[in-house]
mmCIF file of all heavy atoms, coordinates in Angstrom:
data_MODEL
# 
_entry.id   MODEL 
# 
loop_
_atom_site.group_PDB 
_atom_site.id 
_atom_site.type_symbol 
_atom_site.label_atom_id 
_atom_site.label_alt_id 
_atom_site.label_comp_id 
_atom_site.label_asym_id 
_atom_site.label_entity_id 
_atom_site.label_seq_id 
_atom_site.pdbx_PDB_ins_code 
_atom_site.Cartn_x 
_atom_site.Cartn_y 
_atom_site.Cartn_z 
_atom_site.occupancy 
_atom_site.B_iso_or_equiv 
_atom_site.pdbx_formal_charge 
_atom_site.auth_seq_id 
_atom_site.auth_comp_id 
_atom_site.auth_asym_id 
_atom_site.auth_atom_id 
_atom_site.pdbx_PDB_model_num 
ATOM 1   N N   . LEU A 1 1  ? 0.781   -1.228 0.046   1.00 0.00 ? 1  LEU A N   1 
ATOM 2   C CA  . LEU A 1 1  ? 0.047   -0.009 0.002   1.00 0.00 ? 1  LEU A CA  1 
ATOM 3   C C   . LEU A 1 1  ? 0.865   1.220  -0.024  1.00 0.00 ? 1  LEU A C   1 
ATOM 4   O O   . LEU A 1 1  ? 0.498   2.323  -0.631  1.00 0.00 ? 1  LEU A O   1 
ATOM 5   C CB  . LEU A 1 1  ? -0.900  0.020  1.235   1.00 0.00 ? 1  LEU A CB  1 
ATOM 6   C CG  . LEU A 1 1  ? -1.913  1.165  1.326   1.00 0.00 ? 1  LEU A CG  1 
ATOM 7   C CD1 . LEU A 1 1  ? -2.875  1.248  0.040   1.00 0.00 ? 1  LEU A CD1 1 
ATOM 8   C CD2 . LEU A 1 1  ? -2.764  1.089  2.493   1.00 0.00 ? 1  LEU A CD2 1 
ATOM 9   N N   . PHE A 1 2  ? 1.916   1.288  0.770   1.00 0.00 ? 2  PHE A N   1 
ATOM 10  C CA  . PHE A 1 2  ? 2.789   2.498  0.833   1.00 0.00 ? 2  PHE A CA  1 
ATOM 11  C C   . PHE A 1 2  ? 3.316   2.761  -0.644  1.00 0.00 ? 2  PHE A C   1 
ATOM 12  O O   . PHE A 1 2  ? 3.298   3.898  -1.014  1.00 0.00 ? 2  PHE A O   1 
ATOM 13  C CB  . PHE A 1 2  ? 3.878   2.364  1.839   1.00 0.00 ? 2  PHE A CB  1 
ATOM 14  C CG  . PHE A 1 2  ? 3.510   2.814  3.238   1.00 0.00 ? 2  PHE A CG  1 
ATOM 15  C CD1 . PHE A 1 2  ? 3.534   1.681  4.193   1.00 0.00 ? 2  PHE A CD1 1 
ATOM 16  C CD2 . PHE A 1 2  ? 3.011   3.979  3.581   1.00 0.00 ? 2  PHE A CD2 1 
ATOM 17  C CE1 . PHE A 1 2  ? 3.274   2.142  5.529   1.00 0.00 ? 2  PHE A CE1 1 
ATOM 18  C CE2 . PHE A 1 2  ? 2.556   4.280  4.848   1.00 0.00 ? 2  PHE A CE2 1 
ATOM 19  C CZ  . PHE A 1 2  ? 2.723   3.379  5.843   1.00 0.00 ? 2  PHE A CZ  1 
ATOM 20  N N   . THR A 1 3  ? 3.855   1.786  -1.151  1.00 0.00 ? 3  THR A N   1 
ATOM 21  C CA  . THR A 1 3  ? 4.461   1.929  -2.538  1.00 0.00 ? 3  THR A CA  1 
ATOM 22  C C   . THR A 1 3  ? 3.377   2.472  -3.623  1.00 0.00 ? 3  THR A C   1 
ATOM 23  O O   . THR A 1 3  ? 3.579   3.303  -4.348  1.00 0.00 ? 3  THR A O   1 
ATOM 24  C CB  . THR A 1 3  ? 5.067   0.743  -3.004  1.00 0.00 ? 3  THR A CB  1 
ATOM 25  O OG1 . THR A 1 3  ? 6.014   0.160  -2.183  1.00 0.00 ? 3  THR A OG1 1 
ATOM 26  C CG2 . THR A 1 3  ? 5.871   0.921  -4.349  1.00 0.00 ? 3  THR A CG2 1 
ATOM 27  N N   . TYR A 1 4  ? 2.097   1.816  -3.473  1.00 0.00 ? 4  TYR A N   1 
ATOM 28  C CA  . TYR A 1 4  ? 1.036   2.292  -4.336  1.00 0.00 ? 4  TYR A CA  1 
ATOM 29  C C   . TYR A 1 4  ? 0.674   3.608  -4.034  1.00 0.00 ? 4  TYR A C   1 
ATOM 30  O O   . TYR A 1 4  ? 0.523   4.447  -5.015  1.00 0.00 ? 4  TYR A O   1 
ATOM 31  C CB  . TYR A 1 4  ? -0.133  1.277  -4.003  1.00 0.00 ? 4  TYR A CB  1 
ATOM 32  C CG  . TYR A 1 4  ? -1.445  1.803  -4.641  1.00 0.00 ? 4  TYR A CG  1 
ATOM 33  C CD1 . TYR A 1 4  ? -1.724  1.616  -5.992  1.00 0.00 ? 4  TYR A CD1 1 
ATOM 34  C CD2 . TYR A 1 4  ? -2.397  2.564  -3.904  1.00 0.00 ? 4  TYR A CD2 1 
ATOM 35  C CE1 . TYR A 1 4  ? -2.969  2.089  -6.391  1.00 0.00 ? 4  TYR A CE1 1 
ATOM 36  C CE2 . TYR A 1 4  ? -3.483  3.057  -4.373  1.00 0.00 ? 4  TYR A CE2 1 
ATOM 37  C CZ  . TYR A 1 4  ? -3.784  2.838  -5.707  1.00 0.00 ? 4  TYR A CZ  1 
ATOM 38  O OH  . TYR A 1 4  ? -4.974  3.446  -6.206  1.00 0.00 ? 4  TYR A OH  1 
ATOM 39  N N   . ASN A 1 5  ? 0.618   4.106  -2.735  1.00 0.00 ? 5  ASN A N   1 
ATOM 40  C CA  . ASN A 1 5  ? 0.205   5.430  -2.524  1.00 0.00 ? 5  ASN A CA  1 
ATOM 41  C C   . ASN A 1 5  ? 1.135   6.468  -3.014  1.00 0.00 ? 5  ASN A C   1 
ATOM 42  O O   . ASN A 1 5  ? 0.892   7.559  -3.433  1.00 0.00 ? 5  ASN A O   1 
ATOM 43  C CB  . ASN A 1 5  ? -0.012  5.566  -1.031  1.00 0.00 ? 5  ASN A CB  1 
ATOM 44  C CG  . ASN A 1 5  ? -1.587  5.576  -0.742  1.00 0.00 ? 5  ASN A CG  1 
ATOM 45  O OD1 . ASN A 1 5  ? -2.387  5.756  -1.562  1.00 0.00 ? 5  ASN A OD1 1 
ATOM 46  N ND2 . ASN A 1 5  ? -1.947  5.205  0.559   1.00 0.00 ? 5  ASN A ND2 1 
ATOM 47  N N   . LYS A 1 6  ? 2.497   6.097  -2.951  1.00 0.00 ? 6  LYS A N   1 
ATOM 48  C CA  . LYS A 1 6  ? 3.628   7.011  -3.424  1.00 0.00 ? 6  LYS A CA  1 
ATOM 49  C C   . LYS A 1 6  ? 3.284   7.260  -5.012  1.00 0.00 ? 6  LYS A C   1 
ATOM 50  O O   . LYS A 1 6  ? 3.282   8.335  -5.439  1.00 0.00 ? 6  LYS A O   1 
ATOM 51  C CB  . LYS A 1 6  ? 4.939   6.545  -3.240  1.00 0.00 ? 6  LYS A CB  1 
ATOM 52  C CG  . LYS A 1 6  ? 5.325   6.530  -1.696  1.00 0.00 ? 6  LYS A CG  1 
ATOM 53  C CD  . LYS A 1 6  ? 6.755   6.019  -1.638  1.00 0.00 ? 6  LYS A CD  1 
ATOM 54  C CE  . LYS A 1 6  ? 7.133   6.132  -0.067  1.00 0.00 ? 6  LYS A CE  1 
ATOM 55  N NZ  . LYS A 1 6  ? 8.518   5.505  0.117   1.00 0.00 ? 6  LYS A NZ  1 
ATOM 56  N N   . ALA A 1 7  ? 2.966   6.132  -5.681  1.00 0.00 ? 7  ALA A N   1 
ATOM 57  C CA  . ALA A 1 7  ? 2.621   6.264  -7.158  1.00 0.00 ? 7  ALA A CA  1 
ATOM 58  C C   . ALA A 1 7  ? 1.447   6.922  -7.343  1.00 0.00 ? 7  ALA A C   1 
ATOM 59  O O   . ALA A 1 7  ? 1.326   7.791  -8.254  1.00 0.00 ? 7  ALA A O   1 
ATOM 60  C CB  . ALA A 1 7  ? 2.622   4.738  -7.682  1.00 0.00 ? 7  ALA A CB  1 
ATOM 61  N N   . ARG A 1 8  ? 0.411   6.825  -6.457  1.00 0.00 ? 8  ARG A N   1 
ATOM 62  C CA  . ARG A 1 8  ? -0.869  7.470  -6.583  1.00 0.00 ? 8  ARG A CA  1 
ATOM 63  C C   . ARG A 1 8  ? -0.653  9.115  -6.401  1.00 0.00 ? 8  ARG A C   1 
ATOM 64  O O   . ARG A 1 8  ? -1.201  9.761  -7.180  1.00 0.00 ? 8  ARG A O   1 
ATOM 65  C CB  . ARG A 1 8  ? -1.838  6.935  -5.467  1.00 0.00 ? 8  ARG A CB  1 
ATOM 66  C CG  . ARG A 1 8  ? -3.148  7.642  -5.445  1.00 0.00 ? 8  ARG A CG  1 
ATOM 67  C CD  . ARG A 1 8  ? -3.920  7.063  -4.209  1.00 0.00 ? 8  ARG A CD  1 
ATOM 68  N NE  . ARG A 1 8  ? -5.217  7.880  -3.938  1.00 0.00 ? 8  ARG A NE  1 
ATOM 69  C CZ  . ARG A 1 8  ? -5.612  7.950  -2.743  1.00 0.00 ? 8  ARG A CZ  1 
ATOM 70  N NH1 . ARG A 1 8  ? -5.072  7.350  -1.727  1.00 0.00 ? 8  ARG A NH1 1 
ATOM 71  N NH2 . ARG A 1 8  ? -6.649  8.692  -2.582  1.00 0.00 ? 8  ARG A NH2 1 
ATOM 72  N N   . LEU A 1 9  ? 0.101   9.347  -5.392  1.00 0.00 ? 9  LEU A N   1 
ATOM 73  C CA  . LEU A 1 9  ? 0.316   10.784 -5.135  1.00 0.00 ? 9  LEU A CA  1 
ATOM 74  C C   . LEU A 1 9  ? 1.129   11.433 -6.207  1.00 0.00 ? 9  LEU A C   1 
ATOM 75  O O   . LEU A 1 9  ? 1.055   12.646 -6.458  1.00 0.00 ? 9  LEU A O   1 
ATOM 76  C CB  . LEU A 1 9  ? 1.032   10.994 -3.755  1.00 0.00 ? 9  LEU A CB  1 
ATOM 77  C CG  . LEU A 1 9  ? 0.158   10.560 -2.509  1.00 0.00 ? 9  LEU A CG  1 
ATOM 78  C CD1 . LEU A 1 9  ? 0.894   10.572 -1.244  1.00 0.00 ? 9  LEU A CD1 1 
ATOM 79  C CD2 . LEU A 1 9  ? -1.201  11.421 -2.528  1.00 0.00 ? 9  LEU A CD2 1 
ATOM 80  N N   . ALA A 1 10 ? 2.029   10.577 -6.823  1.00 0.00 ? 10 ALA A N   1 
ATOM 81  C CA  . ALA A 1 10 ? 2.872   11.162 -8.045  1.00 0.00 ? 10 ALA A CA  1 
ATOM 82  C C   . ALA A 1 10 ? 2.124   11.163 -9.302  1.00 0.00 ? 10 ALA A C   1 
ATOM 83  O O   . ALA A 1 10 ? 2.692   11.564 -10.288 1.00 0.00 ? 10 ALA A O   1 
ATOM 84  C CB  . ALA A 1 10 ? 4.136   10.316 -7.980  1.00 0.00 ? 10 ALA A CB  1 
ATOM 85  N N   . GLY A 1 11 ? 0.895   10.660 -9.319  1.00 0.00 ? 11 GLY A N   1 
ATOM 86  C CA  . GLY A 1 11 ? 0.112   10.680 -10.638 1.00 0.00 ? 11 GLY A CA  1 
ATOM 87  C C   . GLY A 1 11 ? 0.419   9.507  -11.514 1.00 0.00 ? 11 GLY A C   1 
ATOM 88  O O   . GLY A 1 11 ? -0.048  9.556  -12.601 1.00 0.00 ? 11 GLY A O   1 
ATOM 89  N N   . GLU A 1 12 ? 1.190   8.540  -10.949 1.00 0.00 ? 12 GLU A N   1 
ATOM 90  C CA  . GLU A 1 12 ? 1.539   7.362  -11.836 1.00 0.00 ? 12 GLU A CA  1 
ATOM 91  C C   . GLU A 1 12 ? 0.435   6.368  -11.955 1.00 0.00 ? 12 GLU A C   1 
ATOM 92  O O   . GLU A 1 12 ? 0.305   5.665  -13.007 1.00 0.00 ? 12 GLU A O   1 
ATOM 93  C CB  . GLU A 1 12 ? 2.811   6.653  -11.319 1.00 0.00 ? 12 GLU A CB  1 
ATOM 94  C CG  . GLU A 1 12 ? 4.024   7.520  -11.238 1.00 0.00 ? 12 GLU A CG  1 
ATOM 95  C CD  . GLU A 1 12 ? 5.133   6.859  -10.639 1.00 0.00 ? 12 GLU A CD  1 
ATOM 96  O OE1 . GLU A 1 12 ? 5.031   5.622  -10.248 1.00 0.00 ? 12 GLU A OE1 1 
ATOM 97  O OE2 . GLU A 1 12 ? 6.183   7.518  -10.257 1.00 0.00 ? 12 GLU A OE2 1 
ATOM 98  N N   . VAL A 1 13 ? -0.549  6.330  -10.913 1.00 0.00 ? 13 VAL A N   1 
ATOM 99  C CA  . VAL A 1 13 ? -1.592  5.377  -11.020 1.00 0.00 ? 13 VAL A CA  1 
ATOM 100 C C   . VAL A 1 13 ? -2.879  6.146  -10.307 1.00 0.00 ? 13 VAL A C   1 
ATOM 101 O O   . VAL A 1 13 ? -2.687  7.062  -9.442  1.00 0.00 ? 13 VAL A O   1 
ATOM 102 C CB  . VAL A 1 13 ? -1.291  4.102  -10.204 1.00 0.00 ? 13 VAL A CB  1 
ATOM 103 C CG1 . VAL A 1 13 ? -1.046  4.423  -8.772  1.00 0.00 ? 13 VAL A CG1 1 
ATOM 104 C CG2 . VAL A 1 13 ? -2.377  3.158  -10.384 1.00 0.00 ? 13 VAL A CG2 1 
ATOM 105 N N   . SER A 1 14 ? -3.989  5.808  -10.779 1.00 0.00 ? 14 SER A N   1 
ATOM 106 C CA  . SER A 1 14 ? -5.210  6.463  -10.167 1.00 0.00 ? 14 SER A CA  1 
ATOM 107 C C   . SER A 1 14 ? -6.221  5.483  -9.922  1.00 0.00 ? 14 SER A C   1 
ATOM 108 O O   . SER A 1 14 ? -6.417  4.390  -10.694 1.00 0.00 ? 14 SER A O   1 
ATOM 109 C CB  . SER A 1 14 ? -5.768  7.515  -11.268 1.00 0.00 ? 14 SER A CB  1 
ATOM 110 O OG  . SER A 1 14 ? -4.866  8.473  -11.490 1.00 0.00 ? 14 SER A OG  1 
ATOM 111 N N   . PRO A 1 15 ? -6.987  5.594  -8.898  1.00 0.00 ? 15 PRO A N   1 
ATOM 112 C CA  . PRO A 1 15 ? -8.165  4.726  -8.672  1.00 0.00 ? 15 PRO A CA  1 
ATOM 113 C C   . PRO A 1 15 ? -9.115  4.900  -9.844  1.00 0.00 ? 15 PRO A C   1 
ATOM 114 O O   . PRO A 1 15 ? -9.192  5.864  -10.428 1.00 0.00 ? 15 PRO A O   1 
ATOM 115 C CB  . PRO A 1 15 ? -8.812  5.296  -7.301  1.00 0.00 ? 15 PRO A CB  1 
ATOM 116 C CG  . PRO A 1 15 ? -7.784  6.127  -6.783  1.00 0.00 ? 15 PRO A CG  1 
ATOM 117 C CD  . PRO A 1 15 ? -6.952  6.732  -7.801  1.00 0.00 ? 15 PRO A CD  1 
ATOM 118 N N   . PRO A 1 16 ? -9.890  3.777  -10.098 1.00 0.00 ? 16 PRO A N   1 
ATOM 119 C CA  . PRO A 1 16 ? -10.862 3.868  -11.263 1.00 0.00 ? 16 PRO A CA  1 
ATOM 120 C C   . PRO A 1 16 ? -11.912 4.885  -10.845 1.00 0.00 ? 16 PRO A C   1 
ATOM 121 O O   . PRO A 1 16 ? -12.243 5.059  -9.669  1.00 0.00 ? 16 PRO A O   1 
ATOM 122 C CB  . PRO A 1 16 ? -11.473 2.458  -11.221 1.00 0.00 ? 16 PRO A CB  1 
ATOM 123 C CG  . PRO A 1 16 ? -11.203 1.933  -9.886  1.00 0.00 ? 16 PRO A CG  1 
ATOM 124 C CD  . PRO A 1 16 ? -9.906  2.451  -9.388  1.00 0.00 ? 16 PRO A CD  1 
ATOM 125 N N   . THR A 1 17 ? -12.403 5.433  -11.852 1.00 0.00 ? 17 THR A N   1 
ATOM 126 C CA  . THR A 1 17 ? -13.559 6.359  -11.737 1.00 0.00 ? 17 THR A CA  1 
ATOM 127 C C   . THR A 1 17 ? -14.828 5.578  -11.491 1.00 0.00 ? 17 THR A C   1 
ATOM 128 O O   . THR A 1 17 ? -15.148 4.612  -12.136 1.00 0.00 ? 17 THR A O   1 
ATOM 129 C CB  . THR A 1 17 ? -13.702 7.274  -13.087 1.00 0.00 ? 17 THR A CB  1 
ATOM 130 O OG1 . THR A 1 17 ? -12.587 7.929  -13.301 1.00 0.00 ? 17 THR A OG1 1 
ATOM 131 C CG2 . THR A 1 17 ? -15.055 8.198  -12.851 1.00 0.00 ? 17 THR A CG2 1 
ATOM 132 N N   . ILE A 1 18 ? -15.660 6.039  -10.454 1.00 0.00 ? 18 ILE A N   1 
ATOM 133 C CA  . ILE A 1 18 ? -16.923 5.297  -10.209 1.00 0.00 ? 18 ILE A CA  1 
ATOM 134 C C   . ILE A 1 18 ? -18.033 5.948  -10.988 1.00 0.00 ? 18 ILE A C   1 
ATOM 135 O O   . ILE A 1 18 ? -18.330 7.120  -10.841 1.00 0.00 ? 18 ILE A O   1 
ATOM 136 C CB  . ILE A 1 18 ? -17.168 5.439  -8.732  1.00 0.00 ? 18 ILE A CB  1 
ATOM 137 C CG1 . ILE A 1 18 ? -16.117 4.852  -7.833  1.00 0.00 ? 18 ILE A CG1 1 
ATOM 138 C CG2 . ILE A 1 18 ? -18.554 4.727  -8.494  1.00 0.00 ? 18 ILE A CG2 1 
ATOM 139 C CD1 . ILE A 1 18 ? -15.743 3.350  -8.143  1.00 0.00 ? 18 ILE A CD1 1 
ATOM 140 N N   . ASP A 1 19 ? -18.458 5.165  -11.944 1.00 0.00 ? 19 ASP A N   1 
ATOM 141 C CA  . ASP A 1 19 ? -19.519 5.675  -12.831 1.00 0.00 ? 19 ASP A CA  1 
ATOM 142 C C   . ASP A 1 19 ? -20.739 4.813  -12.794 1.00 0.00 ? 19 ASP A C   1 
ATOM 143 O O   . ASP A 1 19 ? -21.574 4.750  -13.744 1.00 0.00 ? 19 ASP A O   1 
ATOM 144 C CB  . ASP A 1 19 ? -19.094 5.881  -14.264 1.00 0.00 ? 19 ASP A CB  1 
ATOM 145 C CG  . ASP A 1 19 ? -18.433 4.585  -14.880 1.00 0.00 ? 19 ASP A CG  1 
ATOM 146 O OD1 . ASP A 1 19 ? -18.568 3.490  -14.164 1.00 0.00 ? 19 ASP A OD1 1 
ATOM 147 O OD2 . ASP A 1 19 ? -17.959 4.530  -16.018 1.00 0.00 ? 19 ASP A OD2 1 
ATOM 148 N N   . THR A 1 20 ? -20.966 4.102  -11.733 1.00 0.00 ? 20 THR A N   1 
ATOM 149 C CA  . THR A 1 20 ? -22.165 3.243  -11.569 1.00 0.00 ? 20 THR A CA  1 
ATOM 150 C C   . THR A 1 20 ? -23.436 4.078  -11.582 1.00 0.00 ? 20 THR A C   1 
ATOM 151 O O   . THR A 1 20 ? -23.568 5.101  -10.919 1.00 0.00 ? 20 THR A O   1 
ATOM 152 C CB  . THR A 1 20 ? -22.047 2.488  -10.169 1.00 0.00 ? 20 THR A CB  1 
ATOM 153 O OG1 . THR A 1 20 ? -21.036 1.737  -10.182 1.00 0.00 ? 20 THR A OG1 1 
ATOM 154 C CG2 . THR A 1 20 ? -23.364 1.690  -9.980  1.00 0.00 ? 20 THR A CG2 1 
ATOM 155 N N   . PRO A 1 21 ? -24.370 3.831  -12.478 1.00 0.00 ? 21 PRO A N   1 
ATOM 156 C CA  . PRO A 1 21 ? -25.582 4.612  -12.601 1.00 0.00 ? 21 PRO A CA  1 
ATOM 157 C C   . PRO A 1 21 ? -26.410 4.437  -11.405 1.00 0.00 ? 21 PRO A C   1 
ATOM 158 O O   . PRO A 1 21 ? -26.179 3.527  -10.624 1.00 0.00 ? 21 PRO A O   1 
ATOM 159 C CB  . PRO A 1 21 ? -26.298 4.070  -13.786 1.00 0.00 ? 21 PRO A CB  1 
ATOM 160 C CG  . PRO A 1 21 ? -25.776 2.653  -13.974 1.00 0.00 ? 21 PRO A CG  1 
ATOM 161 C CD  . PRO A 1 21 ? -24.341 2.676  -13.443 1.00 0.00 ? 21 PRO A CD  1 
ATOM 162 N N   . ALA A 1 22 ? -27.380 5.388  -11.271 1.00 0.00 ? 22 ALA A N   1 
ATOM 163 C CA  . ALA A 1 22 ? -28.329 5.331  -10.058 1.00 0.00 ? 22 ALA A CA  1 
ATOM 164 C C   . ALA A 1 22 ? -28.918 3.964  -10.048 1.00 0.00 ? 22 ALA A C   1 
ATOM 165 O O   . ALA A 1 22 ? -29.445 3.384  -10.984 1.00 0.00 ? 22 ALA A O   1 
ATOM 166 C CB  . ALA A 1 22 ? -29.362 6.422  -10.156 1.00 0.00 ? 22 ALA A CB  1 
ATOM 167 N N   . ARG A 1 23 ? -29.081 3.366  -8.837  1.00 0.00 ? 23 ARG A N   1 
ATOM 168 C CA  . ARG A 1 23 ? -29.601 2.058  -8.598  1.00 0.00 ? 23 ARG A CA  1 
ATOM 169 C C   . ARG A 1 23 ? -30.217 2.086  -7.158  1.00 0.00 ? 23 ARG A C   1 
ATOM 170 O O   . ARG A 1 23 ? -29.657 2.880  -6.355  1.00 0.00 ? 23 ARG A O   1 
ATOM 171 C CB  . ARG A 1 23 ? -28.627 0.912  -8.856  1.00 0.00 ? 23 ARG A CB  1 
ATOM 172 C CG  . ARG A 1 23 ? -27.336 1.046  -7.954  1.00 0.00 ? 23 ARG A CG  1 
ATOM 173 C CD  . ARG A 1 23 ? -26.313 0.043  -8.382  1.00 0.00 ? 23 ARG A CD  1 
ATOM 174 N NE  . ARG A 1 23 ? -26.645 -1.322 -7.889  1.00 0.00 ? 23 ARG A NE  1 
ATOM 175 C CZ  . ARG A 1 23 ? -26.358 -1.885 -6.775  1.00 0.00 ? 23 ARG A CZ  1 
ATOM 176 N NH1 . ARG A 1 23 ? -25.826 -1.202 -5.808  1.00 0.00 ? 23 ARG A NH1 1 
ATOM 177 N NH2 . ARG A 1 23 ? -26.763 -3.131 -6.439  1.00 0.00 ? 23 ARG A NH2 1 
ATOM 178 N N   . PRO A 1 24 ? -30.985 1.154  -6.826  1.00 0.00 ? 24 PRO A N   1 
ATOM 179 C CA  . PRO A 1 24 ? -31.443 1.024  -5.312  1.00 0.00 ? 24 PRO A CA  1 
ATOM 180 C C   . PRO A 1 24 ? -30.262 0.542  -4.616  1.00 0.00 ? 24 PRO A C   1 
ATOM 181 O O   . PRO A 1 24 ? -29.565 -0.505 -5.061  1.00 0.00 ? 24 PRO A O   1 
ATOM 182 C CB  . PRO A 1 24 ? -32.604 0.034  -5.386  1.00 0.00 ? 24 PRO A CB  1 
ATOM 183 C CG  . PRO A 1 24 ? -33.104 0.148  -6.808  1.00 0.00 ? 24 PRO A CG  1 
ATOM 184 C CD  . PRO A 1 24 ? -31.939 0.379  -7.598  1.00 0.00 ? 24 PRO A CD  1 
ATOM 185 N N   . MET A 1 25 ? -29.885 1.068  -3.451  1.00 0.00 ? 25 MET A N   1 
ATOM 186 C CA  . MET A 1 25 ? -28.726 0.666  -2.666  1.00 0.00 ? 25 MET A CA  1 
ATOM 187 C C   . MET A 1 25 ? -28.975 0.179  -1.280  1.00 0.00 ? 25 MET A C   1 
ATOM 188 O O   . MET A 1 25 ? -30.002 0.572  -0.725  1.00 0.00 ? 25 MET A O   1 
ATOM 189 C CB  . MET A 1 25 ? -27.635 1.838  -2.659  1.00 0.00 ? 25 MET A CB  1 
ATOM 190 C CG  . MET A 1 25 ? -27.007 2.116  -3.990  1.00 0.00 ? 25 MET A CG  1 
ATOM 191 S SD  . MET A 1 25 ? -25.645 3.403  -3.752  1.00 0.00 ? 25 MET A SD  1 
ATOM 192 C CE  . MET A 1 25 ? -26.773 4.877  -3.582  1.00 0.00 ? 25 MET A CE  1 
ATOM 193 N N   . THR A 1 26 ? -28.188 -0.705 -0.805  1.00 0.00 ? 26 THR A N   1 
ATOM 194 C CA  . THR A 1 26 ? -28.288 -1.090 0.569   1.00 0.00 ? 26 THR A CA  1 
ATOM 195 C C   . THR A 1 26 ? -27.839 -0.077 1.540   1.00 0.00 ? 26 THR A C   1 
ATOM 196 O O   . THR A 1 26 ? -27.234 1.023  1.047   1.00 0.00 ? 26 THR A O   1 
ATOM 197 C CB  . THR A 1 26 ? -27.337 -2.363 0.799   1.00 0.00 ? 26 THR A CB  1 
ATOM 198 O OG1 . THR A 1 26 ? -25.985 -1.970 0.678   1.00 0.00 ? 26 THR A OG1 1 
ATOM 199 C CG2 . THR A 1 26 ? -27.736 -3.476 -0.163  1.00 0.00 ? 26 THR A CG2 1 
ATOM 200 N N   . LEU A 1 27 ? -27.948 -0.324 2.766   1.00 0.00 ? 27 LEU A N   1 
ATOM 201 C CA  . LEU A 1 27 ? -27.477 0.705  3.823   1.00 0.00 ? 27 LEU A CA  1 
ATOM 202 C C   . LEU A 1 27 ? -26.091 1.043  3.640   1.00 0.00 ? 27 LEU A C   1 
ATOM 203 O O   . LEU A 1 27 ? -25.748 2.311  3.493   1.00 0.00 ? 27 LEU A O   1 
ATOM 204 C CB  . LEU A 1 27 ? -27.862 0.145  5.127   1.00 0.00 ? 27 LEU A CB  1 
ATOM 205 C CG  . LEU A 1 27 ? -27.735 1.085  6.422   1.00 0.00 ? 27 LEU A CG  1 
ATOM 206 C CD1 . LEU A 1 27 ? -28.401 2.416  6.160   1.00 0.00 ? 27 LEU A CD1 1 
ATOM 207 C CD2 . LEU A 1 27 ? -28.306 0.426  7.625   1.00 0.00 ? 27 LEU A CD2 1 
# 
């Protein structure tokens, strides 16, 4: 996780964009 976060903060990797359309959701 630390190595990943360094890459994340440096812009080398990004979390996926959440584009799930509206749907009924659990709590």
